[in-house]
PDB file of N, CA and C in Angstrom:
ATOM      1  N   MET A   1      10.826  11.931  20.087  1.00  0.00           N
ATOM      2  CA  MET A   1      11.044  10.706  20.828  1.00  0.00           C
ATOM      3  C   MET A   1       9.756  10.248  21.504  1.00  0.00           C
ATOM      4  N   GLY A   2       8.981  11.190  22.005  1.00  0.00           N
ATOM      5  CA  GLY A   2       7.724  10.848  22.660  1.00  0.00           C
ATOM      6  C   GLY A   2       6.751  10.186  21.717  1.00  0.00           C
ATOM      7  N   ASP A   3       6.708  10.654  20.461  1.00  0.00           N
ATOM      8  CA  ASP A   3       5.812  10.048  19.482  1.00  0.00           C
ATOM      9  C   ASP A   3       6.171   8.591  19.239  1.00  0.00           C
ATOM     10  N   VAL A   4       7.467   8.315  19.129  1.00  0.00           N
ATOM     11  CA  VAL A   4       7.919   6.945  18.911  1.00  0.00           C
ATOM     12  C   VAL A   4       7.520   6.074  20.101  1.00  0.00           C
ATOM     13  N   ARG A   5       7.758   6.573  21.304  1.00  0.00           N
ATOM     14  CA  ARG A   5       7.407   5.823  22.513  1.00  0.00           C
ATOM     15  C   ARG A   5       5.905   5.530  22.531  1.00  0.00           C
ATOM     16  N   ASN A   6       5.097   6.543  22.215  1.00  0.00           N
ATOM     17  CA  ASN A   6       3.637   6.347  22.209  1.00  0.00           C
ATOM     18  C   ASN A   6       3.211   5.317  21.172  1.00  0.00           C
ATOM     19  N   GLU A   7       3.822   5.381  19.991  1.00  0.00           N
ATOM     20  CA  GLU A   7       3.465   4.418  18.946  1.00  0.00           C
ATOM     21  C   GLU A   7       3.849   2.997  19.350  1.00  0.00           C
ATOM     22  N   ILE A   8       5.026   2.859  19.969  1.00  0.00           N
ATOM     23  CA  ILE A   8       5.455   1.528  20.411  1.00  0.00           C
ATOM     24  C   ILE A   8       4.516   1.005  21.496  1.00  0.00           C
ATOM     25  N   GLU A   9       4.188   1.861  22.448  1.00  0.00           N
ATOM     26  CA  GLU A   9       3.264   1.437  23.506  1.00  0.00           C
ATOM     27  C   GLU A   9       1.918   1.037  22.921  1.00  0.00           C
ATOM     28  N   ASP A  10       1.475   1.762  21.905  1.00  0.00           N
ATOM     29  CA  ASP A  10       0.218   1.417  21.239  1.00  0.00           C
ATOM     30  C   ASP A  10       0.328   0.050  20.561  1.00  0.00           C
ATOM     31  N   CYS A  11       1.487  -0.213  19.940  1.00  0.00           N
ATOM     32  CA  CYS A  11       1.712  -1.508  19.283  1.00  0.00           C
ATOM     33  C   CYS A  11       1.704  -2.652  20.294  1.00  0.00           C
ATOM     34  N   LEU A  12       2.289  -2.420  21.452  1.00  0.00           N
ATOM     35  CA  LEU A  12       2.427  -3.479  22.447  1.00  0.00           C
ATOM     36  C   LEU A  12       1.111  -3.863  23.088  1.00  0.00           C
ATOM     37  N   GLY A  13       0.180  -2.927  23.181  1.00  0.00           N
ATOM     38  CA  GLY A  13      -1.109  -3.230  23.793  1.00  0.00           C
ATOM     39  C   GLY A  13      -1.047  -3.157  25.309  1.00  0.00           C
ATOM     40  N   GLN A  14      -2.114  -3.581  25.951  1.00  0.00           N
ATOM     41  CA  GLN A  14      -2.253  -3.451  27.402  1.00  0.00           C
ATOM     42  C   GLN A  14      -1.626  -4.597  28.180  1.00  0.00           C
ATOM     43  N   ASP A  15      -1.629  -5.798  27.640  1.00  0.00           N
ATOM     44  CA  ASP A  15      -1.172  -6.976  28.383  1.00  0.00           C
ATOM     45  C   ASP A  15       0.331  -7.163  28.199  1.00  0.00           C
ATOM     46  N   ASP A  16       1.091  -6.811  29.240  1.00  0.00           N
ATOM     47  CA  ASP A  16       2.542  -6.912  29.130  1.00  0.00           C
ATOM     48  C   ASP A  16       3.068  -8.302  29.508  1.00  0.00           C
ATOM     49  N   THR A  17       2.183  -9.266  29.710  1.00  0.00           N
ATOM     50  CA  THR A  17       2.614 -10.631  30.031  1.00  0.00           C
ATOM     51  C   THR A  17       2.579 -11.536  28.809  1.00  0.00           C
ATOM     52  N   GLN A  18       1.925 -11.110  27.739  1.00  0.00           N
ATOM     53  CA  GLN A  18       1.800 -11.917  26.534  1.00  0.00           C
ATOM     54  C   GLN A  18       2.991 -11.692  25.607  1.00  0.00           C
ATOM     55  N   ARG A  19       3.332 -12.723  24.861  1.00  0.00           N
ATOM     56  CA  ARG A  19       4.362 -12.581  23.827  1.00  0.00           C
ATOM     57  C   ARG A  19       3.813 -11.721  22.698  1.00  0.00           C
ATOM     58  N   LEU A  20       4.686 -11.051  22.017  1.00  0.00           N
ATOM     59  CA  LEU A  20       4.264 -10.227  20.884  1.00  0.00           C
ATOM     60  C   LEU A  20       3.826 -11.120  19.728  1.00  0.00           C
ATOM     61  N   THR A  21       2.786 -10.700  19.068  1.00  0.00           N
ATOM     62  CA  THR A  21       2.364 -11.395  17.854  1.00  0.00           C
ATOM     63  C   THR A  21       3.278 -10.957  16.714  1.00  0.00           C
ATOM     64  N   GLU A  22       3.209 -11.680  15.613  1.00  0.00           N
ATOM     65  CA  GLU A  22       4.001 -11.282  14.440  1.00  0.00           C
ATOM     66  C   GLU A  22       3.596  -9.895  13.965  1.00  0.00           C
ATOM     67  N   ALA A  23       2.315  -9.608  13.988  1.00  0.00           N
ATOM     68  CA  ALA A  23       1.828  -8.297  13.548  1.00  0.00           C
ATOM     69  C   ALA A  23       2.377  -7.190  14.451  1.00  0.00           C
ATOM     70  N   GLN A  24       2.377  -7.423  15.756  1.00  0.00           N
ATOM     71  CA  GLN A  24       2.923  -6.424  16.686  1.00  0.00           C
ATOM     72  C   GLN A  24       4.407  -6.215  16.441  1.00  0.00           C
ATOM     73  N   THR A  25       5.122  -7.310  16.237  1.00  0.00           N
ATOM     74  CA  THR A  25       6.558  -7.222  15.987  1.00  0.00           C
ATOM     75  C   THR A  25       6.835  -6.407  14.727  1.00  0.00           C
ATOM     76  N   ARG A  26       6.061  -6.653  13.660  1.00  0.00           N
ATOM     77  CA  ARG A  26       6.242  -5.880  12.413  1.00  0.00           C
ATOM     78  C   ARG A  26       5.958  -4.399  12.643  1.00  0.00           C
ATOM     79  N   ARG A  27       4.899  -4.108  13.383  1.00  0.00           N
ATOM     80  CA  ARG A  27       4.547  -2.699  13.647  1.00  0.00           C
ATOM     81  C   ARG A  27       5.645  -1.999  14.425  1.00  0.00           C
ATOM     82  N   VAL A  28       6.200  -2.666  15.449  1.00  0.00           N
ATOM     83  CA  VAL A  28       7.281  -2.061  16.232  1.00  0.00           C
ATOM     84  C   VAL A  28       8.500  -1.831  15.341  1.00  0.00           C
ATOM     85  N   LYS A  29       8.835  -2.806  14.500  1.00  0.00           N
ATOM     86  CA  LYS A  29       9.973  -2.643  13.588  1.00  0.00           C
ATOM     87  C   LYS A  29       9.757  -1.455  12.650  1.00  0.00           C
ATOM     88  N   ASP A  30       8.536  -1.319  12.152  1.00  0.00           N
ATOM     89  CA  ASP A  30       8.235  -0.187  11.267  1.00  0.00           C
ATOM     90  C   ASP A  30       8.369   1.145  11.986  1.00  0.00           C
ATOM     91  N   VAL A  31       7.960   1.179  13.249  1.00  0.00           N
ATOM     92  CA  VAL A  31       8.035   2.426  14.021  1.00  0.00           C
ATOM     93  C   VAL A  31       9.479   2.840  14.258  1.00  0.00           C
ATOM     94  N   VAL A  32      10.347   1.877  14.562  1.00  0.00           N
ATOM     95  CA  VAL A  32      11.724   2.224  14.920  1.00  0.00           C
ATOM     96  C   VAL A  32      12.666   2.245  13.720  1.00  0.00           C
ATOM     97  N   LYS A  33      12.179   1.807  12.569  1.00  0.00           N
ATOM     98  CA  LYS A  33      13.019   1.791  11.378  1.00  0.00           C
ATOM     99  C   LYS A  33      13.391   3.216  10.981  1.00  0.00           C
ATOM    100  N   SER A  34      14.677   3.444  10.834  1.00  0.00           N
ATOM    101  CA  SER A  34      15.101   4.775  10.404  1.00  0.00           C
ATOM    102  C   SER A  34      15.064   4.835   8.885  1.00  0.00           C
ATOM    103  N   THR A  35      14.744   5.981   8.388  1.00  0.00           N
ATOM    104  CA  THR A  35      14.725   6.193   6.949  1.00  0.00           C
ATOM    105  C   THR A  35      15.985   6.946   6.576  1.00  0.00           C
ATOM    106  N   ASP A  36      16.846   6.270   5.861  1.00  0.00           N
ATOM    107  CA  ASP A  36      18.073   6.940   5.465  1.00  0.00           C
ATOM    108  C   ASP A  36      17.959   7.425   4.023  1.00  0.00           C
ATOM    109  N   GLY A  37      18.848   8.294   3.657  1.00  0.00           N
ATOM    110  CA  GLY A  37      18.817   8.876   2.323  1.00  0.00           C
ATOM    111  C   GLY A  37      18.982   7.857   1.215  1.00  0.00           C
ATOM    112  N   TRP A  38      19.832   6.845   1.446  1.00  0.00           N
ATOM    113  CA  TRP A  38      20.061   5.848   0.409  1.00  0.00           C
ATOM    114  C   TRP A  38      18.811   5.030   0.139  1.00  0.00           C
ATOM    115  N   ARG A  39      18.076   4.708   1.189  1.00  0.00           N
ATOM    116  CA  ARG A  39      16.828   3.950   1.004  1.00  0.00           C
ATOM    117  C   ARG A  39      15.866   4.767   0.133  1.00  0.00           C
ATOM    118  N   HIS A  40      15.821   6.065   0.385  1.00  0.00           N
ATOM    119  CA  HIS A  40      14.931   6.936  -0.387  1.00  0.00           C
ATOM    120  C   HIS A  40      15.386   7.019  -1.843  1.00  0.00           C
ATOM    121  N   VAL A  41      16.685   7.165  -2.064  1.00  0.00           N
ATOM    122  CA  VAL A  41      17.210   7.250  -3.431  1.00  0.00           C
ATOM    123  C   VAL A  41      17.006   5.928  -4.158  1.00  0.00           C
ATOM    124  N   ARG A  42      17.223   4.820  -3.463  1.00  0.00           N
ATOM    125  CA  ARG A  42      17.022   3.514  -4.088  1.00  0.00           C
ATOM    126  C   ARG A  42      15.572   3.344  -4.543  1.00  0.00           C
ATOM    127  N   GLY A  43      14.641   3.929  -3.802  1.00  0.00           N
ATOM    128  CA  GLY A  43      13.239   3.804  -4.167  1.00  0.00           C
ATOM    129  C   GLY A  43      12.787   4.798  -5.217  1.00  0.00           C
ATOM    130  N   SER A  44      13.409   5.964  -5.262  1.00  0.00           N
ATOM    131  CA  SER A  44      12.939   7.022  -6.155  1.00  0.00           C
ATOM    132  C   SER A  44      13.959   7.475  -7.188  1.00  0.00           C
ATOM    133  N   GLY A  45      15.192   7.067  -7.043  1.00  0.00           N
ATOM    134  CA  GLY A  45      16.223   7.486  -7.979  1.00  0.00           C
ATOM    135  C   GLY A  45      16.559   8.955  -7.829  1.00  0.00           C
ATOM    136  N   VAL A  46      16.920   9.587  -8.938  1.00  0.00           N
ATOM    137  CA  VAL A  46      17.333  10.984  -8.876  1.00  0.00           C
ATOM    138  C   VAL A  46      16.191  11.910  -8.466  1.00  0.00           C
ATOM    139  N   ALA A  47      14.967  11.435  -8.547  1.00  0.00           N
ATOM    140  CA  ALA A  47      13.830  12.252  -8.105  1.00  0.00           C
ATOM    141  C   ALA A  47      13.917  12.544  -6.608  1.00  0.00           C
ATOM    142  N   ALA A  48      14.666  11.736  -5.855  1.00  0.00           N
ATOM    143  CA  ALA A  48      14.816  11.940  -4.416  1.00  0.00           C
ATOM    144  C   ALA A  48      15.821  13.049  -4.092  1.00  0.00           C
ATOM    145  N   ILE A  49      16.565  13.468  -5.082  1.00  0.00           N
ATOM    146  CA  ILE A  49      17.584  14.497  -4.867  1.00  0.00           C
ATOM    147  C   ILE A  49      16.935  15.862  -5.018  1.00  0.00           C
ATOM    148  N   PRO A  50      17.192  16.754  -4.065  1.00  0.00           N
ATOM    149  CA  PRO A  50      16.560  18.083  -4.129  1.00  0.00           C
ATOM    150  C   PRO A  50      16.910  18.823  -5.421  1.00  0.00           C
ATOM    151  N   ASN A  51      15.958  19.602  -5.911  1.00  0.00           N
ATOM    152  CA  ASN A  51      16.182  20.411  -7.104  1.00  0.00           C
ATOM    153  C   ASN A  51      17.276  21.436  -6.855  1.00  0.00           C
ATOM    154  N   GLY A  52      17.795  21.978  -7.926  1.00  0.00           N
ATOM    155  CA  GLY A  52      18.818  23.011  -7.810  1.00  0.00           C
ATOM    156  C   GLY A  52      20.213  22.436  -7.962  1.00  0.00           C
ATOM    157  N   GLU A  53      21.140  22.962  -7.187  1.00  0.00           N
ATOM    158  CA  GLU A  53      22.543  22.577  -7.320  1.00  0.00           C
ATOM    159  C   GLU A  53      22.776  21.092  -7.070  1.00  0.00           C
ATOM    160  N   ALA A  54      22.085  20.537  -6.080  1.00  0.00           N
ATOM    161  CA  ALA A  54      22.271  19.111  -5.774  1.00  0.00           C
ATOM    162  C   ALA A  54      21.865  18.252  -6.970  1.00  0.00           C
ATOM    163  N   ARG A  55      20.761  18.587  -7.589  1.00  0.00           N
ATOM    164  CA  ARG A  55      20.291  17.816  -8.746  1.00  0.00           C
ATOM    165  C   ARG A  55      21.234  17.997  -9.933  1.00  0.00           C
ATOM    166  N   GLN A  56      21.708  19.219 -10.126  1.00  0.00           N
ATOM    167  CA  GLN A  56      22.663  19.463 -11.207  1.00  0.00           C
ATOM    168  C   GLN A  56      23.937  18.644 -11.005  1.00  0.00           C
ATOM    169  N   ALA A  57      24.416  18.591  -9.771  1.00  0.00           N
ATOM    170  CA  ALA A  57      25.614  17.816  -9.459  1.00  0.00           C
ATOM    171  C   ALA A  57      25.360  16.326  -9.705  1.00  0.00           C
ATOM    172  N   ALA A  58      24.187  15.836  -9.310  1.00  0.00           N
ATOM    173  CA  ALA A  58      23.853  14.430  -9.524  1.00  0.00           C
ATOM    174  C   ALA A  58      23.799  14.116 -11.018  1.00  0.00           C
ATOM    175  N   ASP A  59      23.203  14.990 -11.795  1.00  0.00           N
ATOM    176  CA  ASP A  59      23.124  14.785 -13.244  1.00  0.00           C
ATOM    177  C   ASP A  59      24.518  14.765 -13.868  1.00  0.00           C
ATOM    178  N   ARG A  60      25.395  15.653 -13.415  1.00  0.00           N
ATOM    179  CA  ARG A  60      26.778  15.664 -13.922  1.00  0.00           C
ATOM    180  C   ARG A  60      27.494  14.366 -13.557  1.00  0.00           C
ATOM    181  N   LEU A  61      27.285  13.911 -12.320  1.00  0.00           N
ATOM    182  CA  LEU A  61      27.915  12.671 -11.881  1.00  0.00           C
ATOM    183  C   LEU A  61      27.435  11.491 -12.720  1.00  0.00           C
ATOM    184  N   LEU A  62      26.123  11.379 -12.931  1.00  0.00           N
ATOM    185  CA  LEU A  62      25.588  10.277 -13.728  1.00  0.00           C
ATOM    186  C   LEU A  62      26.115  10.314 -15.154  1.00  0.00           C
ATOM    187  N   SER A  63      26.243  11.515 -15.706  1.00  0.00           N
ATOM    188  CA  SER A  63      26.776  11.669 -17.056  1.00  0.00           C
ATOM    189  C   SER A  63      28.241  11.239 -17.123  1.00  0.00           C
ATOM    190  N   SER A  64      29.028  11.652 -16.143  1.00  0.00           N
ATOM    191  CA  SER A  64      30.445  11.275 -16.103  1.00  0.00           C
ATOM    192  C   SER A  64      30.613   9.770 -15.932  1.00  0.00           C
ATOM    193  N   LEU A  65      29.792   9.170 -15.078  1.00  0.00           N
ATOM    194  CA  LEU A  65      29.855   7.728 -14.884  1.00  0.00           C
ATOM    195  C   LEU A  65      29.492   6.989 -16.166  1.00  0.00           C
ATOM    196  N   ALA A  66      28.492   7.477 -16.894  1.00  0.00           N
ATOM    197  CA  ALA A  66      28.094   6.851 -18.153  1.00  0.00           C
ATOM    198  C   ALA A  66      29.233   6.913 -19.166  1.00  0.00           C
ATOM    199  N   GLU A  67      29.968   8.031 -19.192  1.00  0.00           N
ATOM    200  CA  GLU A  67      31.110   8.146 -20.097  1.00  0.00           C
ATOM    201  C   GLU A  67      32.180   7.105 -19.780  1.00  0.00           C
ATOM    202  N   LEU A  68      32.241   6.688 -18.518  1.00  0.00           N
ATOM    203  CA  LEU A  68      33.198   5.663 -18.093  1.00  0.00           C
ATOM    204  C   LEU A  68      32.649   4.249 -18.278  1.00  0.00           C
ATOM    205  N   GLY A  69      31.389   4.147 -18.705  1.00  0.00           N
ATOM    206  CA  GLY A  69      30.779   2.844 -18.918  1.00  0.00           C
ATOM    207  C   GLY A  69      30.011   2.294 -17.732  1.00  0.00           C
ATOM    208  N   LEU A  70      29.766   3.152 -16.738  1.00  0.00           N
ATOM    209  CA  LEU A  70      28.976   2.743 -15.576  1.00  0.00           C
ATOM    210  C   LEU A  70      27.625   3.434 -15.663  1.00  0.00           C
ATOM    211  N   PHE A  71      26.578   2.653 -15.880  1.00  0.00           N
ATOM    212  CA  PHE A  71      25.255   3.207 -16.111  1.00  0.00           C
ATOM    213  C   PHE A  71      24.389   3.014 -14.875  1.00  0.00           C
ATOM    214  N   VAL A  72      24.092   4.119 -14.217  1.00  0.00           N
ATOM    215  CA  VAL A  72      23.294   4.109 -12.998  1.00  0.00           C
ATOM    216  C   VAL A  72      21.827   4.277 -13.378  1.00  0.00           C
ATOM    217  N   VAL A  73      20.999   3.377 -12.876  1.00  0.00           N
ATOM    218  CA  VAL A  73      19.567   3.439 -13.171  1.00  0.00           C
ATOM    219  C   VAL A  73      19.003   4.694 -12.498  1.00  0.00           C
ATOM    220  N   PRO A  74      18.529   5.662 -13.267  1.00  0.00           N
ATOM    221  CA  PRO A  74      18.107   6.939 -12.689  1.00  0.00           C
ATOM    222  C   PRO A  74      16.793   6.902 -11.911  1.00  0.00           C
ATOM    223  N   VAL A  75      16.090   5.766 -11.960  1.00  0.00           N
ATOM    224  CA  VAL A  75      14.821   5.650 -11.235  1.00  0.00           C
ATOM    225  C   VAL A  75      14.978   4.863  -9.940  1.00  0.00           C
ATOM    226  N   GLY A  76      16.203   4.638  -9.511  1.00  0.00           N
ATOM    227  CA  GLY A  76      16.448   3.851  -8.304  1.00  0.00           C
ATOM    228  C   GLY A  76      16.643   2.397  -8.671  1.00  0.00           C
ATOM    229  N   ALA A  77      15.889   1.508  -8.075  1.00  0.00           N
ATOM    230  CA  ALA A  77      15.969   0.087  -8.397  1.00  0.00           C
ATOM    231  C   ALA A  77      15.355  -0.162  -9.774  1.00  0.00           C
ATOM    232  N   LEU A  78      15.772  -1.238 -10.408  1.00  0.00           N
ATOM    233  CA  LEU A  78      15.240  -1.575 -11.739  1.00  0.00           C
ATOM    234  C   LEU A  78      13.720  -1.593 -11.765  1.00  0.00           C
ATOM    235  N   GLU A  79      13.121  -2.044 -10.677  1.00  0.00           N
ATOM    236  CA  GLU A  79      11.669  -2.143 -10.617  1.00  0.00           C
ATOM    237  C   GLU A  79      10.984  -0.791 -10.775  1.00  0.00           C
ATOM    238  N   GLY A  80      11.732   0.283 -10.575  1.00  0.00           N
ATOM    239  CA  GLY A  80      11.191   1.629 -10.725  1.00  0.00           C
ATOM    240  C   GLY A  80      10.831   1.974 -12.164  1.00  0.00           C
ATOM    241  N   TRP A  81      11.404   1.257 -13.114  1.00  0.00           N
ATOM    242  CA  TRP A  81      11.087   1.541 -14.513  1.00  0.00           C
ATOM    243  C   TRP A  81       9.632   1.229 -14.816  1.00  0.00           C
ATOM    244  N   VAL A  82       9.143   0.126 -14.301  1.00  0.00           N
ATOM    245  CA  VAL A  82       7.798  -0.325 -14.650  1.00  0.00           C
ATOM    246  C   VAL A  82       7.098  -0.796 -13.366  1.00  0.00           C
ATOM    247  N   PRO A  83       6.703   0.132 -12.507  1.00  0.00           N
ATOM    248  CA  PRO A  83       6.134  -0.256 -11.219  1.00  0.00           C
ATOM    249  C   PRO A  83       4.818  -1.029 -11.335  1.00  0.00           C
ATOM    250  N   GLU A  84       4.135  -0.899 -12.451  1.00  0.00           N
ATOM    251  CA  GLU A  84       2.865  -1.610 -12.590  1.00  0.00           C
ATOM    252  C   GLU A  84       3.058  -3.112 -12.781  1.00  0.00           C
ATOM    253  N   ILE A  85       4.269  -3.554 -13.084  1.00  0.00           N
ATOM    254  CA  ILE A  85       4.513  -4.987 -13.244  1.00  0.00           C
ATOM    255  C   ILE A  85       4.604  -5.664 -11.881  1.00  0.00           C
ATOM    256  N   GLY A  86       5.207  -5.028 -10.920  1.00  0.00           N
ATOM    257  CA  GLY A  86       5.365  -5.646  -9.603  1.00  0.00           C
ATOM    258  C   GLY A  86       6.488  -6.662  -9.616  1.00  0.00           C
ATOM    259  N   GLY A  87       6.656  -7.333  -8.495  1.00  0.00           N
ATOM    260  CA  GLY A  87       7.724  -8.314  -8.395  1.00  0.00           C
ATOM    261  C   GLY A  87       9.034  -7.656  -8.022  1.00  0.00           C
ATOM    262  N   HIS A  88      10.054  -8.486  -7.884  1.00  0.00           N
ATOM    263  CA  HIS A  88      11.357  -8.011  -7.457  1.00  0.00           C
ATOM    264  C   HIS A  88      12.437  -8.931  -8.017  1.00  0.00           C
ATOM    265  N   GLY A  89      13.593  -8.371  -8.298  1.00  0.00           N
ATOM    266  CA  GLY A  89      14.741  -9.159  -8.729  1.00  0.00           C
ATOM    267  C   GLY A  89      14.499  -9.883 -10.036  1.00  0.00           C
ATOM    268  N   PRO A  90      15.001 -11.123 -10.135  1.00  0.00           N
ATOM    269  CA  PRO A  90      14.883 -11.887 -11.385  1.00  0.00           C
ATOM    270  C   PRO A  90      13.439 -12.069 -11.850  1.00  0.00           C
ATOM    271  N   ALA A  91      12.512 -12.219 -10.916  1.00  0.00           N
ATOM    272  CA  ALA A  91      11.107 -12.372 -11.311  1.00  0.00           C
ATOM    273  C   ALA A  91      10.609 -11.108 -12.006  1.00  0.00           C
ATOM    274  N   PHE A  92      11.022  -9.936 -11.488  1.00  0.00           N
ATOM    275  CA  PHE A  92      10.632  -8.682 -12.128  1.00  0.00           C
ATOM    276  C   PHE A  92      11.237  -8.591 -13.525  1.00  0.00           C
ATOM    277  N   VAL A  93      12.542  -8.883 -13.644  1.00  0.00           N
ATOM    278  CA  VAL A  93      13.227  -8.771 -14.932  1.00  0.00           C
ATOM    279  C   VAL A  93      12.554  -9.674 -15.961  1.00  0.00           C
ATOM    280  N   SER A  94      12.252 -10.895 -15.571  1.00  0.00           N
ATOM    281  CA  SER A  94      11.590 -11.822 -16.485  1.00  0.00           C
ATOM    282  C   SER A  94      10.229 -11.293 -16.923  1.00  0.00           C
ATOM    283  N   ALA A  95       9.446 -10.801 -15.960  1.00  0.00           N
ATOM    284  CA  ALA A  95       8.120 -10.256 -16.291  1.00  0.00           C
ATOM    285  C   ALA A  95       8.238  -9.013 -17.165  1.00  0.00           C
ATOM    286  N   ALA A  96       9.226  -8.165 -16.885  1.00  0.00           N
ATOM    287  CA  ALA A  96       9.417  -6.942 -17.683  1.00  0.00           C
ATOM    288  C   ALA A  96       9.815  -7.284 -19.112  1.00  0.00           C
ATOM    289  N   LEU A  97      10.678  -8.287 -19.267  1.00  0.00           N
ATOM    290  CA  LEU A  97      11.064  -8.709 -20.618  1.00  0.00           C
ATOM    291  C   LEU A  97       9.880  -9.332 -21.348  1.00  0.00           C
ATOM    292  N   ASP A  98       9.111 -10.167 -20.646  1.00  0.00           N
ATOM    293  CA  ASP A  98       7.922 -10.765 -21.260  1.00  0.00           C
ATOM    294  C   ASP A  98       6.934  -9.685 -21.706  1.00  0.00           C
ATOM    295  N   ALA A  99       6.833  -8.611 -20.920  1.00  0.00           N
ATOM    296  CA  ALA A  99       5.922  -7.512 -21.257  1.00  0.00           C
ATOM    297  C   ALA A  99       6.524  -6.571 -22.294  1.00  0.00           C
ATOM    298  N   ARG A 100       7.770  -6.829 -22.671  1.00  0.00           N
ATOM    299  CA  ARG A 100       8.497  -6.009 -23.660  1.00  0.00           C
ATOM    300  C   ARG A 100       8.597  -4.551 -23.206  1.00  0.00           C
ATOM    301  N   ALA A 101       8.751  -4.380 -21.898  1.00  0.00           N
ATOM    302  CA  ALA A 101       8.817  -3.032 -21.325  1.00  0.00           C
ATOM    303  C   ALA A 101       9.960  -2.221 -21.907  1.00  0.00           C
ATOM    304  N   HIS A 102      11.039  -2.893 -22.285  1.00  0.00           N
ATOM    305  CA  HIS A 102      12.186  -2.197 -22.860  1.00  0.00           C
ATOM    306  C   HIS A 102      11.881  -1.624 -24.244  1.00  0.00           C
ATOM    307  N   GLU A 103      10.772  -2.024 -24.816  1.00  0.00           N
ATOM    308  CA  GLU A 103      10.358  -1.494 -26.119  1.00  0.00           C
ATOM    309  C   GLU A 103       9.214  -0.500 -25.998  1.00  0.00           C
ATOM    310  N   THR A 104       8.437  -0.597 -24.938  1.00  0.00           N
ATOM    311  CA  THR A 104       7.235   0.231 -24.832  1.00  0.00           C
ATOM    312  C   THR A 104       7.366   1.398 -23.864  1.00  0.00           C
ATOM    313  N   ASN A 105       8.249   1.298 -22.879  1.00  0.00           N
ATOM    314  CA  ASN A 105       8.447   2.383 -21.920  1.00  0.00           C
ATOM    315  C   ASN A 105       9.514   3.311 -22.487  1.00  0.00           C
ATOM    316  N   GLY A 106       9.125   4.539 -22.822  1.00  0.00           N
ATOM    317  CA  GLY A 106      10.032   5.468 -23.497  1.00  0.00           C
ATOM    318  C   GLY A 106      11.316   5.743 -22.734  1.00  0.00           C
ATOM    319  N   ASP A 107      11.225   6.018 -21.441  1.00  0.00           N
ATOM    320  CA  ASP A 107      12.423   6.312 -20.651  1.00  0.00           C
ATOM    321  C   ASP A 107      13.340   5.095 -20.556  1.00  0.00           C
ATOM    322  N   LEU A 108      12.747   3.940 -20.345  1.00  0.00           N
ATOM    323  CA  LEU A 108      13.534   2.711 -20.264  1.00  0.00           C
ATOM    324  C   LEU A 108      14.180   2.411 -21.614  1.00  0.00           C
ATOM    325  N   LYS A 109      13.420   2.589 -22.671  1.00  0.00           N
ATOM    326  CA  LYS A 109      13.952   2.346 -24.019  1.00  0.00           C
ATOM    327  C   LYS A 109      15.139   3.257 -24.302  1.00  0.00           C
ATOM    328  N   ASP A 110      15.024   4.537 -23.951  1.00  0.00           N
ATOM    329  CA  ASP A 110      16.132   5.483 -24.144  1.00  0.00           C
ATOM    330  C   ASP A 110      17.363   5.065 -23.345  1.00  0.00           C
ATOM    331  N   PHE A 111      17.141   4.608 -22.111  1.00  0.00           N
ATOM    332  CA  PHE A 111      18.251   4.179 -21.264  1.00  0.00           C
ATOM    333  C   PHE A 111      18.956   2.969 -21.889  1.00  0.00           C
ATOM    334  N   VAL A 112      18.168   1.966 -22.291  1.00  0.00           N
ATOM    335  CA  VAL A 112      18.739   0.762 -22.882  1.00  0.00           C
ATOM    336  C   VAL A 112      19.483   1.094 -24.178  1.00  0.00           C
ATOM    337  N   LEU A 113      18.904   1.940 -25.008  1.00  0.00           N
ATOM    338  CA  LEU A 113      19.575   2.334 -26.260  1.00  0.00           C
ATOM    339  C   LEU A 113      20.871   3.083 -25.971  1.00  0.00           C
ATOM    340  N   GLY A 114      20.872   3.938 -24.961  1.00  0.00           N
ATOM    341  CA  GLY A 114      22.089   4.654 -24.579  1.00  0.00           C
ATOM    342  C   GLY A 114      23.198   3.714 -24.135  1.00  0.00           C
ATOM    343  N   VAL A 115      22.822   2.709 -23.347  1.00  0.00           N
ATOM    344  CA  VAL A 115      23.801   1.718 -22.899  1.00  0.00           C
ATOM    345  C   VAL A 115      24.323   0.934 -24.101  1.00  0.00           C
ATOM    346  N   ALA A 116      23.422   0.515 -24.979  1.00  0.00           N
ATOM    347  CA  ALA A 116      23.811  -0.264 -26.160  1.00  0.00           C
ATOM    348  C   ALA A 116      24.734   0.532 -27.070  1.00  0.00           C
ATOM    349  N   GLN A 117      24.404   1.788 -27.313  1.00  0.00           N
ATOM    350  CA  GLN A 117      25.237   2.633 -28.168  1.00  0.00           C
ATOM    351  C   GLN A 117      26.620   2.835 -27.559  1.00  0.00           C
ATOM    352  N   SER A 118      26.653   3.054 -26.273  1.00  0.00           N
ATOM    353  CA  SER A 118      27.933   3.287 -25.606  1.00  0.00           C
ATOM    354  C   SER A 118      28.816   2.051 -25.639  1.00  0.00           C
ATOM    355  N   THR A 119      28.217   0.897 -25.432  1.00  0.00           N
ATOM    356  CA  THR A 119      29.026  -0.331 -25.392  1.00  0.00           C
ATOM    357  C   THR A 119      29.423  -0.799 -26.774  1.00  0.00           C
ATOM    358  N   SER A 120      28.652  -0.441 -27.806  1.00  0.00           N
ATOM    359  CA  SER A 120      29.005  -0.870 -29.159  1.00  0.00           C
ATOM    360  C   SER A 120      30.029   0.064 -29.792  1.00  0.00           C
ATOM    361  N   SER A 121      30.098   1.309 -29.308  1.00  0.00           N
ATOM    362  CA  SER A 121      31.058   2.260 -29.896  1.00  0.00           C
ATOM    363  C   SER A 121      32.372   2.277 -29.135  1.00  0.00           C
ATOM    364  N   GLY A 122      32.432   1.583 -27.983  1.00  0.00           N
ATOM    365  CA  GLY A 122      33.626   1.618 -27.152  1.00  0.00           C
ATOM    366  C   GLY A 122      34.525   0.538 -27.455  1.00  0.00           C
TER     367      GLY A 122
END
């Protein structure tokens, strides 16, 4: 708790009569932002899950969900497939398709083929 207080005080600066700048406000928000497990998983996918039994359970869950037709992106958010493209949401998808990432990225290609095979055989 003391570290957080010190960081916030550092962000605020010496003059307590001035309004916070946008930069100060962002820094304070970053200091107090809690990091939850879901945020970490969304950013890293199954790599965020500890090795061993937890990872085995996650792999079994993803496999069972795929059998039901629910395909969970194992790298977290879609943008995790091709981080060198950048962007977010529809802009990322458009750029990834333009770059033909679904044909050149081996893991992504395997995922897409798995989804296609499952949906065409069901």
